[in-house]
Full PDB file with SEQRES, HELIX, SHEET, SSBOND, CRYST1, ORIGX, SCALE, CONECT and MASTER records, all heavy atoms in Angstrom:
SEQRES   1 A   34  GLN VAL LEU SER LEU PRO ILE VAL VAL ILE VAL HIS GLY          
SEQRES   2 A   34  ASN GLN ASP ASN ASN ALA LYS ALA THR VAL LEU TRP ASP          
SEQRES   3 A   34  ASN ALA PHE SER GLU ILE ASP ARG                              
HELIX    1 AA1 GLY A   13  GLN A   15  5                                   3    
HELIX    2 AA2 ASP A   16  PHE A   29  1                                  14    
CRYST1    1.000    1.000    1.000  90.00  90.00  90.00 P 1           1          
ORIGX1      1.000000  0.000000  0.000000        0.00000                         
ORIGX2      0.000000  1.000000  0.000000        0.00000                         
ORIGX3      0.000000  0.000000  1.000000        0.00000                         
SCALE1      1.000000  0.000000  0.000000        0.00000                         
SCALE2      0.000000  1.000000  0.000000        0.00000                         
SCALE3      0.000000  0.000000  1.000000        0.00000                         
ATOM      1  N   GLN A   1      10.320 -11.687  12.608  1.00  0.00           N  
ATOM      2  CA  GLN A   1       9.343 -11.088  11.699  1.00  0.00           C  
ATOM      3  C   GLN A   1       9.919  -9.812  11.098  1.00  0.00           C  
ATOM      4  O   GLN A   1      10.822  -9.191  11.655  1.00  0.00           O  
ATOM      5  CB  GLN A   1       8.039 -10.776  12.429  1.00  0.00           C  
ATOM      6  CG  GLN A   1       8.181  -9.737  13.536  1.00  0.00           C  
ATOM      7  CD  GLN A   1       6.835  -9.411  14.159  1.00  0.00           C  
ATOM      8  OE1 GLN A   1       5.862 -10.124  13.993  1.00  0.00           O  
ATOM      9  NE2 GLN A   1       6.779  -8.325  14.899  1.00  0.00           N  
ATOM     10  N   VAL A   2       9.385  -9.434   9.944  1.00  0.00           N  
ATOM     11  CA  VAL A   2       9.825  -8.210   9.283  1.00  0.00           C  
ATOM     12  C   VAL A   2       8.641  -7.631   8.515  1.00  0.00           C  
ATOM     13  O   VAL A   2       7.789  -8.377   8.012  1.00  0.00           O  
ATOM     14  CB  VAL A   2      11.018  -8.495   8.334  1.00  0.00           C  
ATOM     15  CG1 VAL A   2      10.616  -9.421   7.194  1.00  0.00           C  
ATOM     16  CG2 VAL A   2      11.615  -7.216   7.783  1.00  0.00           C  
ATOM     17  N   LEU A   3       8.565  -6.330   8.486  1.00  0.00           N  
ATOM     18  CA  LEU A   3       7.483  -5.689   7.740  1.00  0.00           C  
ATOM     19  C   LEU A   3       7.706  -5.875   6.250  1.00  0.00           C  
ATOM     20  O   LEU A   3       8.814  -5.691   5.748  1.00  0.00           O  
ATOM     21  CB  LEU A   3       7.430  -4.190   8.050  1.00  0.00           C  
ATOM     22  CG  LEU A   3       6.829  -3.760   9.383  1.00  0.00           C  
ATOM     23  CD1 LEU A   3       6.968  -2.255   9.538  1.00  0.00           C  
ATOM     24  CD2 LEU A   3       5.371  -4.162   9.479  1.00  0.00           C  
ATOM     25  N   SER A   4       6.659  -6.236   5.551  1.00  0.00           N  
ATOM     26  CA  SER A   4       6.744  -6.356   4.092  1.00  0.00           C  
ATOM     27  C   SER A   4       6.532  -4.974   3.473  1.00  0.00           C  
ATOM     28  O   SER A   4       6.204  -4.003   4.159  1.00  0.00           O  
ATOM     29  CB  SER A   4       5.668  -7.303   3.578  1.00  0.00           C  
ATOM     30  OG  SER A   4       4.403  -6.657   3.579  1.00  0.00           O  
ATOM     31  N   LEU A   5       6.693  -4.906   2.160  1.00  0.00           N  
ATOM     32  CA  LEU A   5       6.244  -3.726   1.435  1.00  0.00           C  
ATOM     33  C   LEU A   5       4.727  -3.669   1.549  1.00  0.00           C  
ATOM     34  O   LEU A   5       4.079  -4.701   1.773  1.00  0.00           O  
ATOM     35  CB  LEU A   5       6.661  -3.817  -0.035  1.00  0.00           C  
ATOM     36  CG  LEU A   5       8.162  -3.633  -0.303  1.00  0.00           C  
ATOM     37  CD1 LEU A   5       8.481  -3.977  -1.747  1.00  0.00           C  
ATOM     38  CD2 LEU A   5       8.601  -2.208  -0.004  1.00  0.00           C  
ATOM     39  N   PRO A   6       4.130  -2.473   1.407  1.00  0.00           N  
ATOM     40  CA  PRO A   6       2.670  -2.379   1.573  1.00  0.00           C  
ATOM     41  C   PRO A   6       1.912  -3.189   0.528  1.00  0.00           C  
ATOM     42  O   PRO A   6       2.290  -3.242  -0.636  1.00  0.00           O  
ATOM     43  CB  PRO A   6       2.395  -0.886   1.419  1.00  0.00           C  
ATOM     44  CG  PRO A   6       3.582  -0.325   0.724  1.00  0.00           C  
ATOM     45  CD  PRO A   6       4.725  -1.156   1.139  1.00  0.00           C  
ATOM     46  N   ILE A   7       0.850  -3.834   0.975  1.00  0.00           N  
ATOM     47  CA  ILE A   7      -0.014  -4.637   0.111  1.00  0.00           C  
ATOM     48  C   ILE A   7      -1.449  -4.176   0.320  1.00  0.00           C  
ATOM     49  O   ILE A   7      -1.869  -3.926   1.447  1.00  0.00           O  
ATOM     50  CB  ILE A   7       0.086  -6.137   0.479  1.00  0.00           C  
ATOM     51  CG1 ILE A   7       1.497  -6.679   0.175  1.00  0.00           C  
ATOM     52  CG2 ILE A   7      -0.954  -6.960  -0.267  1.00  0.00           C  
ATOM     53  CD1 ILE A   7       1.748  -8.050   0.752  1.00  0.00           C  
ATOM     54  N   VAL A   8      -2.200  -4.054  -0.765  1.00  0.00           N  
ATOM     55  CA  VAL A   8      -3.625  -3.762  -0.665  1.00  0.00           C  
ATOM     56  C   VAL A   8      -4.380  -4.883  -1.367  1.00  0.00           C  
ATOM     57  O   VAL A   8      -4.030  -5.269  -2.488  1.00  0.00           O  
ATOM     58  CB  VAL A   8      -3.970  -2.408  -1.327  1.00  0.00           C  
ATOM     59  CG1 VAL A   8      -5.469  -2.166  -1.293  1.00  0.00           C  
ATOM     60  CG2 VAL A   8      -3.246  -1.265  -0.624  1.00  0.00           C  
ATOM     61  N   VAL A   9      -5.385  -5.424  -0.712  1.00  0.00           N  
ATOM     62  CA  VAL A   9      -6.208  -6.484  -1.316  1.00  0.00           C  
ATOM     63  C   VAL A   9      -7.471  -5.837  -1.880  1.00  0.00           C  
ATOM     64  O   VAL A   9      -8.159  -5.084  -1.183  1.00  0.00           O  
ATOM     65  CB  VAL A   9      -6.588  -7.547  -0.263  1.00  0.00           C  
ATOM     66  CG1 VAL A   9      -7.471  -8.621  -0.893  1.00  0.00           C  
ATOM     67  CG2 VAL A   9      -5.336  -8.167   0.334  1.00  0.00           C  
ATOM     68  N   ILE A  10      -7.760  -6.117  -3.146  1.00  0.00           N  
ATOM     69  CA  ILE A  10      -8.966  -5.549  -3.773  1.00  0.00           C  
ATOM     70  C   ILE A  10      -9.843  -6.686  -4.284  1.00  0.00           C  
ATOM     71  O   ILE A  10      -9.376  -7.805  -4.506  1.00  0.00           O  
ATOM     72  CB  ILE A  10      -8.619  -4.576  -4.923  1.00  0.00           C  
ATOM     73  CG1 ILE A  10      -7.861  -5.288  -6.053  1.00  0.00           C  
ATOM     74  CG2 ILE A  10      -7.802  -3.396  -4.405  1.00  0.00           C  
ATOM     75  CD1 ILE A  10      -7.625  -4.400  -7.269  1.00  0.00           C  
ATOM     76  N   VAL A  11     -11.133  -6.387  -4.477  1.00  0.00           N  
ATOM     77  CA  VAL A  11     -12.069  -7.415  -4.947  1.00  0.00           C  
ATOM     78  C   VAL A  11     -12.560  -7.131  -6.363  1.00  0.00           C  
ATOM     79  O   VAL A  11     -13.248  -7.948  -6.951  1.00  0.00           O  
ATOM     80  CB  VAL A  11     -13.279  -7.551  -3.997  1.00  0.00           C  
ATOM     81  CG1 VAL A  11     -12.829  -8.039  -2.625  1.00  0.00           C  
ATOM     82  CG2 VAL A  11     -14.042  -6.231  -3.877  1.00  0.00           C  
ATOM     83  N   HIS A  12     -12.196  -5.969  -6.892  1.00  0.00           N  
ATOM     84  CA  HIS A  12     -12.626  -5.632  -8.252  1.00  0.00           C  
ATOM     85  C   HIS A  12     -11.622  -4.679  -8.881  1.00  0.00           C  
ATOM     86  O   HIS A  12     -11.011  -3.870  -8.186  1.00  0.00           O  
ATOM     87  CB  HIS A  12     -14.018  -4.977  -8.219  1.00  0.00           C  
ATOM     88  CG  HIS A  12     -14.678  -4.914  -9.562  1.00  0.00           C  
ATOM     89  ND1 HIS A  12     -14.359  -3.947 -10.495  1.00  0.00           N  
ATOM     90  CD2 HIS A  12     -15.635  -5.693 -10.136  1.00  0.00           C  
ATOM     91  CE1 HIS A  12     -15.083  -4.136 -11.586  1.00  0.00           C  
ATOM     92  NE2 HIS A  12     -15.868  -5.190 -11.393  1.00  0.00           N  
ATOM     93  N   GLY A  13     -11.474  -4.772 -10.200  1.00  0.00           N  
ATOM     94  CA  GLY A  13     -10.504  -3.934 -10.916  1.00  0.00           C  
ATOM     95  C   GLY A  13     -10.742  -2.451 -10.765  1.00  0.00           C  
ATOM     96  O   GLY A  13      -9.802  -1.657 -10.861  1.00  0.00           O  
ATOM     97  N   ASN A  14     -12.000  -2.044 -10.494  1.00  0.00           N  
ATOM     98  CA  ASN A  14     -12.261  -0.604 -10.360  1.00  0.00           C  
ATOM     99  C   ASN A  14     -11.684  -0.026  -9.069  1.00  0.00           C  
ATOM    100  O   ASN A  14     -11.696   1.187  -8.865  1.00  0.00           O  
ATOM    101  CB  ASN A  14     -13.769  -0.289 -10.478  1.00  0.00           C  
ATOM    102  CG  ASN A  14     -14.604  -0.915  -9.375  1.00  0.00           C  
ATOM    103  OD1 ASN A  14     -14.069  -1.436  -8.388  1.00  0.00           O  
ATOM    104  ND2 ASN A  14     -15.915  -0.890  -9.534  1.00  0.00           N  
ATOM    105  N   GLN A  15     -11.185  -0.898  -8.187  1.00  0.00           N  
ATOM    106  CA  GLN A  15     -10.536  -0.421  -6.954  1.00  0.00           C  
ATOM    107  C   GLN A  15      -9.030  -0.267  -7.134  1.00  0.00           C  
ATOM    108  O   GLN A  15      -8.335   0.196  -6.230  1.00  0.00           O  
ATOM    109  CB  GLN A  15     -10.805  -1.419  -5.812  1.00  0.00           C  
ATOM    110  CG  GLN A  15     -12.274  -1.575  -5.468  1.00  0.00           C  
ATOM    111  CD  GLN A  15     -12.499  -2.698  -4.469  1.00  0.00           C  
ATOM    112  OE1 GLN A  15     -11.804  -3.715  -4.500  1.00  0.00           O  
ATOM    113  NE2 GLN A  15     -13.473  -2.529  -3.592  1.00  0.00           N  
ATOM    114  N   ASP A  16      -8.550  -0.633  -8.300  1.00  0.00           N  
ATOM    115  CA  ASP A  16      -7.102  -0.640  -8.564  1.00  0.00           C  
ATOM    116  C   ASP A  16      -6.477   0.737  -8.360  1.00  0.00           C  
ATOM    117  O   ASP A  16      -5.418   0.877  -7.755  1.00  0.00           O  
ATOM    118  CB  ASP A  16      -6.874  -1.124  -9.999  1.00  0.00           C  
ATOM    119  CG  ASP A  16      -5.400  -1.282 -10.320  1.00  0.00           C  
ATOM    120  OD1 ASP A  16      -4.723  -2.002  -9.572  1.00  0.00           O  
ATOM    121  OD2 ASP A  16      -4.928  -0.677 -11.297  1.00  0.00           O  
ATOM    122  N   ASN A  17      -7.158   1.759  -8.853  1.00  0.00           N  
ATOM    123  CA  ASN A  17      -6.633   3.125  -8.772  1.00  0.00           C  
ATOM    124  C   ASN A  17      -6.436   3.567  -7.321  1.00  0.00           C  
ATOM    125  O   ASN A  17      -5.384   4.101  -6.960  1.00  0.00           O  
ATOM    126  CB  ASN A  17      -7.588   4.064  -9.516  1.00  0.00           C  
ATOM    127  CG  ASN A  17      -7.098   5.487  -9.549  1.00  0.00           C  
ATOM    128  OD1 ASN A  17      -7.317   6.227  -8.608  1.00  0.00           O  
ATOM    129  ND2 ASN A  17      -6.436   5.868 -10.630  1.00  0.00           N  
ATOM    130  N   ASN A  18      -7.441   3.331  -6.488  1.00  0.00           N  
ATOM    131  CA  ASN A  18      -7.342   3.726  -5.076  1.00  0.00           C  
ATOM    132  C   ASN A  18      -6.304   2.885  -4.336  1.00  0.00           C  
ATOM    133  O   ASN A  18      -5.622   3.379  -3.435  1.00  0.00           O  
ATOM    134  CB  ASN A  18      -8.708   3.586  -4.391  1.00  0.00           C  
ATOM    135  CG  ASN A  18      -9.689   4.626  -4.884  1.00  0.00           C  
ATOM    136  OD1 ASN A  18      -9.303   5.734  -5.236  1.00  0.00           O  
ATOM    137  ND2 ASN A  18     -10.959   4.277  -4.944  1.00  0.00           N  
ATOM    138  N   ALA A  19      -6.188   1.621  -4.731  1.00  0.00           N  
ATOM    139  CA  ALA A  19      -5.169   0.754  -4.113  1.00  0.00           C  
ATOM    140  C   ALA A  19      -3.770   1.280  -4.415  1.00  0.00           C  
ATOM    141  O   ALA A  19      -2.902   1.327  -3.534  1.00  0.00           O  
ATOM    142  CB  ALA A  19      -5.333  -0.676  -4.636  1.00  0.00           C  
ATOM    143  N   LYS A  20      -3.550   1.701  -5.656  1.00  0.00           N  
ATOM    144  CA  LYS A  20      -2.240   2.254  -6.034  1.00  0.00           C  
ATOM    145  C   LYS A  20      -1.934   3.518  -5.238  1.00  0.00           C  
ATOM    146  O   LYS A  20      -0.788   3.758  -4.850  1.00  0.00           O  
ATOM    147  CB  LYS A  20      -2.211   2.553  -7.542  1.00  0.00           C  
ATOM    148  CG  LYS A  20      -2.033   1.316  -8.396  1.00  0.00           C  
ATOM    149  CD  LYS A  20      -1.652   1.674  -9.824  1.00  0.00           C  
ATOM    150  CE  LYS A  20      -2.830   2.125 -10.636  1.00  0.00           C  
ATOM    151  NZ  LYS A  20      -2.512   2.320 -12.065  1.00  0.00           N  
ATOM    152  N   ALA A  21      -2.961   4.334  -4.996  1.00  0.00           N  
ATOM    153  CA  ALA A  21      -2.767   5.566  -4.211  1.00  0.00           C  
ATOM    154  C   ALA A  21      -2.323   5.229  -2.791  1.00  0.00           C  
ATOM    155  O   ALA A  21      -1.404   5.854  -2.251  1.00  0.00           O  
ATOM    156  CB  ALA A  21      -4.070   6.375  -4.175  1.00  0.00           C  
ATOM    157  N   THR A  22      -2.957   4.227  -2.184  1.00  0.00           N  
ATOM    158  CA  THR A  22      -2.623   3.811  -0.819  1.00  0.00           C  
ATOM    159  C   THR A  22      -1.186   3.311  -0.742  1.00  0.00           C  
ATOM    160  O   THR A  22      -0.423   3.676   0.158  1.00  0.00           O  
ATOM    161  CB  THR A  22      -3.592   2.706  -0.352  1.00  0.00           C  
ATOM    162  OG1 THR A  22      -4.930   3.187  -0.456  1.00  0.00           O  
ATOM    163  CG2 THR A  22      -3.308   2.296   1.079  1.00  0.00           C  
ATOM    164  N   VAL A  23      -0.803   2.468  -1.708  1.00  0.00           N  
ATOM    165  CA  VAL A  23       0.546   1.913  -1.736  1.00  0.00           C  
ATOM    166  C   VAL A  23       1.586   3.014  -1.952  1.00  0.00           C  
ATOM    167  O   VAL A  23       2.628   3.053  -1.291  1.00  0.00           O  
ATOM    168  CB  VAL A  23       0.658   0.813  -2.818  1.00  0.00           C  
ATOM    169  CG1 VAL A  23       2.112   0.427  -3.049  1.00  0.00           C  
ATOM    170  CG2 VAL A  23      -0.158  -0.412  -2.420  1.00  0.00           C  
ATOM    171  N   LEU A  24       1.288   3.924  -2.870  1.00  0.00           N  
ATOM    172  CA  LEU A  24       2.222   5.021  -3.165  1.00  0.00           C  
ATOM    173  C   LEU A  24       2.449   5.884  -1.930  1.00  0.00           C  
ATOM    174  O   LEU A  24       3.590   6.214  -1.578  1.00  0.00           O  
ATOM    175  CB  LEU A  24       1.684   5.876  -4.317  1.00  0.00           C  
ATOM    176  CG  LEU A  24       2.575   7.045  -4.751  1.00  0.00           C  
ATOM    177  CD1 LEU A  24       3.839   6.538  -5.427  1.00  0.00           C  
ATOM    178  CD2 LEU A  24       1.830   7.982  -5.702  1.00  0.00           C  
ATOM    179  N   TRP A  25       1.369   6.268  -1.264  1.00  0.00           N  
ATOM    180  CA  TRP A  25       1.457   7.131  -0.076  1.00  0.00           C  
ATOM    181  C   TRP A  25       2.247   6.422   1.020  1.00  0.00           C  
ATOM    182  O   TRP A  25       3.122   7.003   1.662  1.00  0.00           O  
ATOM    183  CB  TRP A  25       0.052   7.494   0.406  1.00  0.00           C  
ATOM    184  CG  TRP A  25       0.012   8.504   1.511  1.00  0.00           C  
ATOM    185  CD1 TRP A  25       0.210   8.282   2.840  1.00  0.00           C  
ATOM    186  CD2 TRP A  25      -0.215   9.922   1.373  1.00  0.00           C  
ATOM    187  NE1 TRP A  25       0.100   9.452   3.553  1.00  0.00           N  
ATOM    188  CE2 TRP A  25      -0.157  10.481   2.677  1.00  0.00           C  
ATOM    189  CE3 TRP A  25      -0.474  10.761   0.297  1.00  0.00           C  
ATOM    190  CZ2 TRP A  25      -0.348  11.839   2.922  1.00  0.00           C  
ATOM    191  CZ3 TRP A  25      -0.662  12.124   0.543  1.00  0.00           C  
ATOM    192  CH2 TRP A  25      -0.595  12.654   1.831  1.00  0.00           C  
ATOM    193  N   ASP A  26       1.945   5.140   1.225  1.00  0.00           N  
ATOM    194  CA  ASP A  26       2.619   4.366   2.270  1.00  0.00           C  
ATOM    195  C   ASP A  26       4.112   4.219   1.962  1.00  0.00           C  
ATOM    196  O   ASP A  26       4.962   4.414   2.841  1.00  0.00           O  
ATOM    197  CB  ASP A  26       1.956   2.989   2.380  1.00  0.00           C  
ATOM    198  CG  ASP A  26       2.275   2.299   3.695  1.00  0.00           C  
ATOM    199  OD1 ASP A  26       3.455   1.959   3.895  1.00  0.00           O  
ATOM    200  OD2 ASP A  26       1.365   2.122   4.510  1.00  0.00           O  
ATOM    201  N   ASN A  27       4.434   3.882   0.722  1.00  0.00           N  
ATOM    202  CA  ASN A  27       5.835   3.713   0.320  1.00  0.00           C  
ATOM    203  C   ASN A  27       6.635   4.998   0.477  1.00  0.00           C  
ATOM    204  O   ASN A  27       7.787   4.989   0.895  1.00  0.00           O  
ATOM    205  CB  ASN A  27       5.909   3.274  -1.145  1.00  0.00           C  
ATOM    206  CG  ASN A  27       6.176   1.795  -1.288  1.00  0.00           C  
ATOM    207  OD1 ASN A  27       6.759   1.177  -0.419  1.00  0.00           O  
ATOM    208  ND2 ASN A  27       5.742   1.221  -2.394  1.00  0.00           N  
ATOM    209  N   ALA A  28       5.999   6.110   0.091  1.00  0.00           N  
ATOM    210  CA  ALA A  28       6.727   7.381   0.043  1.00  0.00           C  
ATOM    211  C   ALA A  28       6.871   8.049   1.407  1.00  0.00           C  
ATOM    212  O   ALA A  28       7.885   8.686   1.677  1.00  0.00           O  
ATOM    213  CB  ALA A  28       6.015   8.330  -0.928  1.00  0.00           C  
ATOM    214  N   PHE A  29       5.870   7.904   2.261  1.00  0.00           N  
ATOM    215  CA  PHE A  29       5.818   8.777   3.439  1.00  0.00           C  
ATOM    216  C   PHE A  29       5.828   8.058   4.795  1.00  0.00           C  
ATOM    217  O   PHE A  29       5.788   8.712   5.833  1.00  0.00           O  
ATOM    218  CB  PHE A  29       4.585   9.683   3.360  1.00  0.00           C  
ATOM    219  CG  PHE A  29       4.482  10.428   2.053  1.00  0.00           C  
ATOM    220  CD1 PHE A  29       3.358  10.314   1.252  1.00  0.00           C  
ATOM    221  CD2 PHE A  29       5.538  11.221   1.599  1.00  0.00           C  
ATOM    222  CE1 PHE A  29       3.273  10.999   0.039  1.00  0.00           C  
ATOM    223  CE2 PHE A  29       5.462  11.902   0.390  1.00  0.00           C  
ATOM    224  CZ  PHE A  29       4.319  11.784  -0.396  1.00  0.00           C  
ATOM    225  N   SER A  30       5.871   6.728   4.812  1.00  0.00           N  
ATOM    226  CA  SER A  30       5.905   6.040   6.114  1.00  0.00           C  
ATOM    227  C   SER A  30       7.351   5.959   6.610  1.00  0.00           C  
ATOM    228  O   SER A  30       8.286   5.966   5.821  1.00  0.00           O  
ATOM    229  CB  SER A  30       5.326   4.633   5.980  1.00  0.00           C  
ATOM    230  OG  SER A  30       6.086   3.878   5.059  1.00  0.00           O  
ATOM    231  N   GLU A  31       7.499   5.880   7.927  1.00  0.00           N  
ATOM    232  CA  GLU A  31       8.826   5.733   8.530  1.00  0.00           C  
ATOM    233  C   GLU A  31       9.190   4.255   8.582  1.00  0.00           C  
ATOM    234  O   GLU A  31       8.326   3.395   8.763  1.00  0.00           O  
ATOM    235  CB  GLU A  31       8.828   6.314   9.958  1.00  0.00           C  
ATOM    236  CG  GLU A  31       8.475   7.799  10.038  1.00  0.00           C  
ATOM    237  CD  GLU A  31       9.492   8.693   9.342  1.00  0.00           C  
ATOM    238  OE1 GLU A  31      10.678   8.292   9.292  1.00  0.00           O  
ATOM    239  OE2 GLU A  31       9.110   9.758   8.837  1.00  0.00           O  
ATOM    240  N   ILE A  32      10.479   3.960   8.463  1.00  0.00           N  
ATOM    241  CA  ILE A  32      10.941   2.560   8.445  1.00  0.00           C  
ATOM    242  C   ILE A  32      10.550   1.830   9.734  1.00  0.00           C  
ATOM    243  O   ILE A  32      10.059   0.711   9.708  1.00  0.00           O  
ATOM    244  CB  ILE A  32      12.482   2.507   8.269  1.00  0.00           C  
ATOM    245  CG1 ILE A  32      12.887   3.090   6.901  1.00  0.00           C  
ATOM    246  CG2 ILE A  32      13.006   1.079   8.414  1.00  0.00           C  
ATOM    247  CD1 ILE A  32      12.458   2.283   5.709  1.00  0.00           C  
ATOM    248  N   ASP A  33      10.774   2.478  10.891  1.00  0.00           N  
ATOM    249  CA  ASP A  33      10.555   1.798  12.168  1.00  0.00           C  
ATOM    250  C   ASP A  33       9.224   2.168  12.808  1.00  0.00           C  
ATOM    251  O   ASP A  33       9.077   2.213  14.017  1.00  0.00           O  
ATOM    252  CB  ASP A  33      11.702   2.128  13.138  1.00  0.00           C  
ATOM    253  CG  ASP A  33      11.877   3.648  13.290  1.00  0.00           C  
ATOM    254  OD1 ASP A  33      11.183   4.396  12.557  1.00  0.00           O  
ATOM    255  OD2 ASP A  33      12.696   4.067  14.126  1.00  0.00           O  
ATOM    256  N   ARG A  34       8.226   2.407  11.982  1.00  0.00           N  
ATOM    257  CA  ARG A  34       6.924   2.858  12.487  1.00  0.00           C  
ATOM    258  C   ARG A  34       6.108   1.715  13.087  1.00  0.00           C  
ATOM    259  O   ARG A  34       6.413   0.528  12.904  1.00  0.00           O  
ATOM    260  CB  ARG A  34       6.121   3.434  11.324  1.00  0.00           C  
ATOM    261  CG  ARG A  34       5.836   2.325  10.303  1.00  0.00           C  
ATOM    262  CD  ARG A  34       5.087   2.833   9.121  1.00  0.00           C  
ATOM    263  NE  ARG A  34       5.047   1.795   8.100  1.00  0.00           N  
ATOM    264  CZ  ARG A  34       4.013   1.563   7.336  1.00  0.00           C  
ATOM    265  NH1 ARG A  34       2.942   2.290   7.462  1.00  0.00           N  
ATOM    266  NH2 ARG A  34       4.041   0.621   6.428  1.00  0.00           N  
TER     267      ARG A  34                                                      
MASTER        0    0    0    2    0    0    0    6  266    1    0    3          
END                                                                             
């Protein structure tokens, strides 16, 4: 198994902005072997 890039599942387009924030934060600040 291997960790994928972060994914956020949304149910409506108005959640897109917050989903992008979650992905950005995770991509930028998480540790590889966390």
